[in-house]
Amino acid sequence: VPLFSNRAINGSELLKSLIKVAREKYNGKVPSDDAILELLKSIPTPISELAPANLNIPQPLRDSLTAILAEPTFNTLNNAGITPLLLQSLDISAQIPKL
């Protein structure tokens, strides 16, 4: 399936969804249920057909993932000075679907 020419599932939507999830992750948070569901639905078939109609990560699990994975990763990247570079890369990547 061509990534950018498939009208049913467009690669531009996939790229936008990836950027949205990445932005939330780089802010030290587990991406929202809506962002994850949007990403799953934008992946080319057959994976998008397996996406649930509704996604809900329980709050205790979300809190644990944030404490164990998201915040330490964000803090490490931030202390290393990499976070601004990654966010600028996301800004540049966000322009690709508009081309």
N, C-alpha and C. Protein backbone atom coordinates (compact mmCIF):
# COMPACT_ATOMS: atom_id res chain seq x y z
N VAL A 1 0.85 -1.18 0.00
CA VAL A 1 0.00 0.00 0.00
C VAL A 1 0.89 1.23 0.00
N PRO A 2 0.80 2.07 -1.00
CA PRO A 2 1.60 3.29 -1.03
C PRO A 2 1.26 4.19 0.16
N LEU A 3 2.28 4.74 0.76
CA LEU A 3 2.09 5.49 2.00
C LEU A 3 1.32 6.79 1.81
N PHE A 4 1.60 7.54 0.76
CA PHE A 4 0.98 8.85 0.61
C PHE A 4 -0.12 8.90 -0.44
N SER A 5 -0.32 7.82 -1.22
CA SER A 5 -1.31 7.89 -2.29
C SER A 5 -2.58 7.11 -2.00
N ASN A 6 -2.62 6.35 -0.92
CA ASN A 6 -3.82 5.60 -0.57
C ASN A 6 -4.85 6.57 0.01
N ARG A 7 -5.98 6.70 -0.66
CA ARG A 7 -7.00 7.66 -0.19
C ARG A 7 -7.68 7.21 1.09
N ALA A 8 -7.82 5.91 1.31
CA ALA A 8 -8.50 5.42 2.51
C ALA A 8 -7.66 5.67 3.75
N ILE A 9 -6.40 5.34 3.66
CA ILE A 9 -5.50 5.56 4.79
C ILE A 9 -4.28 6.28 4.24
N ASN A 10 -4.19 7.56 4.52
CA ASN A 10 -3.17 8.41 3.95
C ASN A 10 -1.96 8.46 4.87
N GLY A 11 -0.77 8.38 4.29
CA GLY A 11 0.46 8.46 5.06
C GLY A 11 0.62 9.79 5.77
N SER A 12 0.01 10.83 5.23
CA SER A 12 0.07 12.14 5.89
C SER A 12 -0.62 12.08 7.25
N GLU A 13 -1.74 11.37 7.30
CA GLU A 13 -2.45 11.22 8.58
C GLU A 13 -1.61 10.41 9.57
N LEU A 14 -0.93 9.39 9.07
CA LEU A 14 -0.05 8.59 9.91
C LEU A 14 1.07 9.46 10.47
N LEU A 15 1.67 10.27 9.63
CA LEU A 15 2.75 11.14 10.08
C LEU A 15 2.26 12.14 11.10
N LYS A 16 1.10 12.73 10.87
CA LYS A 16 0.52 13.68 11.84
C LYS A 16 0.25 13.00 13.17
N SER A 17 -0.25 11.77 13.14
CA SER A 17 -0.55 11.03 14.36
C SER A 17 0.74 10.69 15.12
N LEU A 18 1.76 10.30 14.39
CA LEU A 18 3.05 10.00 15.02
C LEU A 18 3.63 11.24 15.70
N ILE A 19 3.53 12.38 15.04
CA ILE A 19 4.04 13.62 15.60
C ILE A 19 3.26 14.00 16.86
N LYS A 20 1.95 13.82 16.83
CA LYS A 20 1.13 14.14 18.00
C LYS A 20 1.51 13.27 19.19
N VAL A 21 1.68 11.97 18.96
CA VAL A 21 2.07 11.05 20.04
C VAL A 21 3.47 11.41 20.54
N ALA A 22 4.39 11.71 19.62
CA ALA A 22 5.75 12.06 20.00
C ALA A 22 5.79 13.33 20.84
N ARG A 23 5.00 14.33 20.46
CA ARG A 23 4.97 15.58 21.24
C ARG A 23 4.51 15.32 22.67
N GLU A 24 3.48 14.51 22.82
CA GLU A 24 3.00 14.21 24.17
C GLU A 24 4.06 13.44 24.95
N LYS A 25 4.74 12.53 24.28
CA LYS A 25 5.79 11.74 24.94
C LYS A 25 6.95 12.63 25.35
N TYR A 26 7.34 13.56 24.48
CA TYR A 26 8.47 14.42 24.80
C TYR A 26 8.14 15.44 25.88
N ASN A 27 6.88 15.57 26.23
CA ASN A 27 6.50 16.43 27.36
C ASN A 27 6.48 15.64 28.66
N GLY A 28 6.97 14.40 28.63
CA GLY A 28 7.07 13.60 29.83
C GLY A 28 5.78 12.94 30.23
N LYS A 29 4.88 12.74 29.28
CA LYS A 29 3.58 12.14 29.57
C LYS A 29 3.36 10.91 28.70
N VAL A 30 2.54 10.01 29.19
CA VAL A 30 2.07 8.91 28.36
C VAL A 30 1.04 9.52 27.41
N PRO A 31 1.14 9.26 26.11
CA PRO A 31 0.18 9.86 25.18
C PRO A 31 -1.27 9.56 25.57
N SER A 32 -2.14 10.49 25.25
CA SER A 32 -3.55 10.35 25.59
C SER A 32 -4.18 9.18 24.84
N ASP A 33 -5.29 8.70 25.37
CA ASP A 33 -6.02 7.60 24.72
C ASP A 33 -6.41 7.98 23.30
N ASP A 34 -6.86 9.21 23.12
CA ASP A 34 -7.28 9.67 21.79
C ASP A 34 -6.10 9.67 20.80
N ALA A 35 -4.94 10.12 21.28
CA ALA A 35 -3.77 10.17 20.40
C ALA A 35 -3.33 8.76 20.00
N ILE A 36 -3.34 7.83 20.94
CA ILE A 36 -2.95 6.46 20.63
C ILE A 36 -3.95 5.81 19.68
N LEU A 37 -5.24 6.02 19.93
CA LEU A 37 -6.27 5.45 19.06
C LEU A 37 -6.18 6.04 17.65
N GLU A 38 -5.95 7.33 17.56
CA GLU A 38 -5.79 7.98 16.25
C GLU A 38 -4.59 7.40 15.51
N LEU A 39 -3.50 7.15 16.24
CA LEU A 39 -2.32 6.55 15.62
C LEU A 39 -2.63 5.13 15.12
N LEU A 40 -3.29 4.34 15.93
CA LEU A 40 -3.63 2.97 15.52
C LEU A 40 -4.50 2.95 14.27
N LYS A 41 -5.44 3.88 14.21
CA LYS A 41 -6.36 3.92 13.07
C LYS A 41 -5.69 4.45 11.80
N SER A 42 -4.60 5.19 11.95
CA SER A 42 -3.94 5.76 10.77
C SER A 42 -2.87 4.85 10.18
N ILE A 43 -2.54 3.76 10.88
CA ILE A 43 -1.55 2.81 10.37
C ILE A 43 -2.19 2.04 9.21
N PRO A 44 -1.45 1.88 8.11
CA PRO A 44 -2.03 1.16 6.96
C PRO A 44 -2.51 -0.24 7.34
N THR A 45 -3.49 -0.73 6.59
CA THR A 45 -4.07 -2.04 6.83
C THR A 45 -3.00 -3.11 6.79
N PRO A 46 -3.17 -4.19 7.46
CA PRO A 46 -4.31 -4.68 8.22
C PRO A 46 -4.33 -4.22 9.67
N ILE A 47 -3.30 -3.51 10.13
CA ILE A 47 -3.24 -3.12 11.54
C ILE A 47 -4.37 -2.18 11.90
N SER A 48 -4.70 -1.23 11.04
CA SER A 48 -5.75 -0.26 11.36
C SER A 48 -7.10 -0.94 11.54
N GLU A 49 -7.31 -2.06 10.85
CA GLU A 49 -8.58 -2.78 10.99
C GLU A 49 -8.69 -3.47 12.35
N LEU A 50 -7.56 -3.67 13.02
CA LEU A 50 -7.56 -4.30 14.34
C LEU A 50 -7.70 -3.30 15.47
N ALA A 51 -7.66 -2.01 15.16
CA ALA A 51 -7.76 -0.98 16.19
C ALA A 51 -9.13 -1.04 16.86
N PRO A 52 -9.16 -0.96 18.18
CA PRO A 52 -10.45 -1.00 18.88
C PRO A 52 -11.25 0.27 18.61
N ALA A 53 -12.54 0.18 18.79
CA ALA A 53 -13.41 1.34 18.60
C ALA A 53 -13.17 2.37 19.70
N ASN A 54 -12.78 1.89 20.87
CA ASN A 54 -12.56 2.76 22.01
C ASN A 54 -11.32 2.27 22.74
N LEU A 55 -10.50 3.17 23.19
CA LEU A 55 -9.27 2.82 23.91
C LEU A 55 -9.27 3.58 25.22
N ASN A 56 -9.01 2.86 26.30
CA ASN A 56 -8.98 3.49 27.60
C ASN A 56 -7.89 2.84 28.44
N ILE A 57 -6.79 3.58 28.64
CA ILE A 57 -5.73 3.10 29.52
C ILE A 57 -6.13 3.48 30.93
N PRO A 58 -6.27 2.50 31.84
CA PRO A 58 -6.67 2.82 33.22
C PRO A 58 -5.69 3.80 33.86
N GLN A 59 -6.23 4.69 34.68
CA GLN A 59 -5.40 5.74 35.29
C GLN A 59 -4.25 5.18 36.12
N PRO A 60 -4.44 4.11 36.91
CA PRO A 60 -3.29 3.57 37.65
C PRO A 60 -2.16 3.11 36.72
N LEU A 61 -2.52 2.48 35.60
CA LEU A 61 -1.52 2.04 34.64
C LEU A 61 -0.85 3.24 33.98
N ARG A 62 -1.64 4.24 33.63
CA ARG A 62 -1.09 5.47 33.03
C ARG A 62 -0.12 6.14 34.00
N ASP A 63 -0.48 6.22 35.28
CA ASP A 63 0.39 6.83 36.29
C ASP A 63 1.69 6.04 36.43
N SER A 64 1.58 4.71 36.41
CA SER A 64 2.78 3.87 36.53
C SER A 64 3.69 4.04 35.32
N LEU A 65 3.11 4.04 34.12
CA LEU A 65 3.91 4.22 32.92
C LEU A 65 4.59 5.59 32.90
N THR A 66 3.87 6.59 33.38
CA THR A 66 4.45 7.93 33.44
C THR A 66 5.63 7.96 34.40
N ALA A 67 5.45 7.37 35.58
CA ALA A 67 6.50 7.38 36.60
C ALA A 67 7.70 6.52 36.21
N ILE A 68 7.45 5.39 35.57
CA ILE A 68 8.53 4.45 35.26
C ILE A 68 9.22 4.79 33.94
N LEU A 69 8.46 5.20 32.93
CA LEU A 69 9.04 5.40 31.59
C LEU A 69 9.07 6.85 31.12
N ALA A 70 7.93 7.49 31.12
CA ALA A 70 7.81 8.79 30.46
C ALA A 70 8.62 9.89 31.15
N GLU A 71 8.44 10.06 32.44
CA GLU A 71 9.14 11.14 33.14
C GLU A 71 10.65 10.92 33.19
N PRO A 72 11.14 9.71 33.51
CA PRO A 72 12.59 9.52 33.50
C PRO A 72 13.22 9.75 32.12
N THR A 73 12.53 9.31 31.07
CA THR A 73 13.04 9.52 29.72
C THR A 73 13.10 11.01 29.41
N PHE A 74 12.02 11.72 29.73
CA PHE A 74 11.97 13.16 29.48
C PHE A 74 13.08 13.87 30.27
N ASN A 75 13.24 13.53 31.53
CA ASN A 75 14.25 14.18 32.36
C ASN A 75 15.66 13.91 31.83
N THR A 76 15.93 12.68 31.41
CA THR A 76 17.25 12.34 30.87
C THR A 76 17.53 13.11 29.58
N LEU A 77 16.55 13.11 28.67
CA LEU A 77 16.72 13.85 27.41
C LEU A 77 16.85 15.35 27.66
N ASN A 78 16.09 15.86 28.58
CA ASN A 78 16.13 17.28 28.90
C ASN A 78 17.48 17.66 29.51
N ASN A 79 17.97 16.85 30.45
CA ASN A 79 19.26 17.13 31.08
C ASN A 79 20.41 17.03 30.08
N ALA A 80 20.26 16.19 29.08
CA ALA A 80 21.29 16.05 28.05
C ALA A 80 21.19 17.15 26.99
N GLY A 81 20.13 17.94 27.04
CA GLY A 81 19.95 19.03 26.10
C GLY A 81 19.43 18.59 24.74
N ILE A 82 18.88 17.40 24.68
CA ILE A 82 18.41 16.84 23.42
C ILE A 82 16.96 17.22 23.12
N THR A 83 16.18 17.49 24.15
CA THR A 83 14.75 17.75 23.96
C THR A 83 14.46 18.88 22.97
N PRO A 84 15.13 20.03 23.05
CA PRO A 84 14.85 21.08 22.05
C PRO A 84 15.13 20.62 20.62
N LEU A 85 16.19 19.86 20.43
CA LEU A 85 16.51 19.35 19.10
C LEU A 85 15.43 18.41 18.59
N LEU A 86 14.94 17.54 19.46
CA LEU A 86 13.89 16.61 19.07
C LEU A 86 12.59 17.35 18.76
N LEU A 87 12.25 18.35 19.55
CA LEU A 87 11.04 19.12 19.29
C LEU A 87 11.15 19.91 17.99
N GLN A 88 12.34 20.43 17.69
CA GLN A 88 12.54 21.12 16.42
C GLN A 88 12.40 20.14 15.26
N SER A 89 12.89 18.92 15.46
CA SER A 89 12.74 17.89 14.42
C SER A 89 11.27 17.58 14.18
N LEU A 90 10.47 17.56 15.25
CA LEU A 90 9.03 17.34 15.10
C LEU A 90 8.37 18.50 14.34
N ASP A 91 8.82 19.72 14.63
CA ASP A 91 8.28 20.87 13.90
C ASP A 91 8.58 20.77 12.42
N ILE A 92 9.80 20.36 12.09
CA ILE A 92 10.17 20.19 10.68
C ILE A 92 9.36 19.07 10.05
N SER A 93 9.21 17.94 10.77
CA SER A 93 8.45 16.80 10.25
C SER A 93 6.99 17.15 10.04
N ALA A 94 6.46 18.04 10.86
CA ALA A 94 5.05 18.43 10.72
C ALA A 94 4.78 19.14 9.40
N GLN A 95 5.82 19.66 8.76
CA GLN A 95 5.65 20.36 7.49
C GLN A 95 5.57 19.40 6.30
N ILE A 96 6.03 18.17 6.46
CA ILE A 96 6.05 17.21 5.34
C ILE A 96 4.66 16.94 4.76
N PRO A 97 3.63 16.68 5.59
CA PRO A 97 2.31 16.41 4.98
C PRO A 97 1.78 17.57 4.15
N LYS A 98 2.25 18.78 4.39
CA LYS A 98 1.76 19.94 3.65
C LYS A 98 2.39 20.06 2.27
N LEU A 99 3.48 19.30 2.05
CA LEU A 99 4.19 19.40 0.75
C LEU A 99 3.42 18.74 -0.36
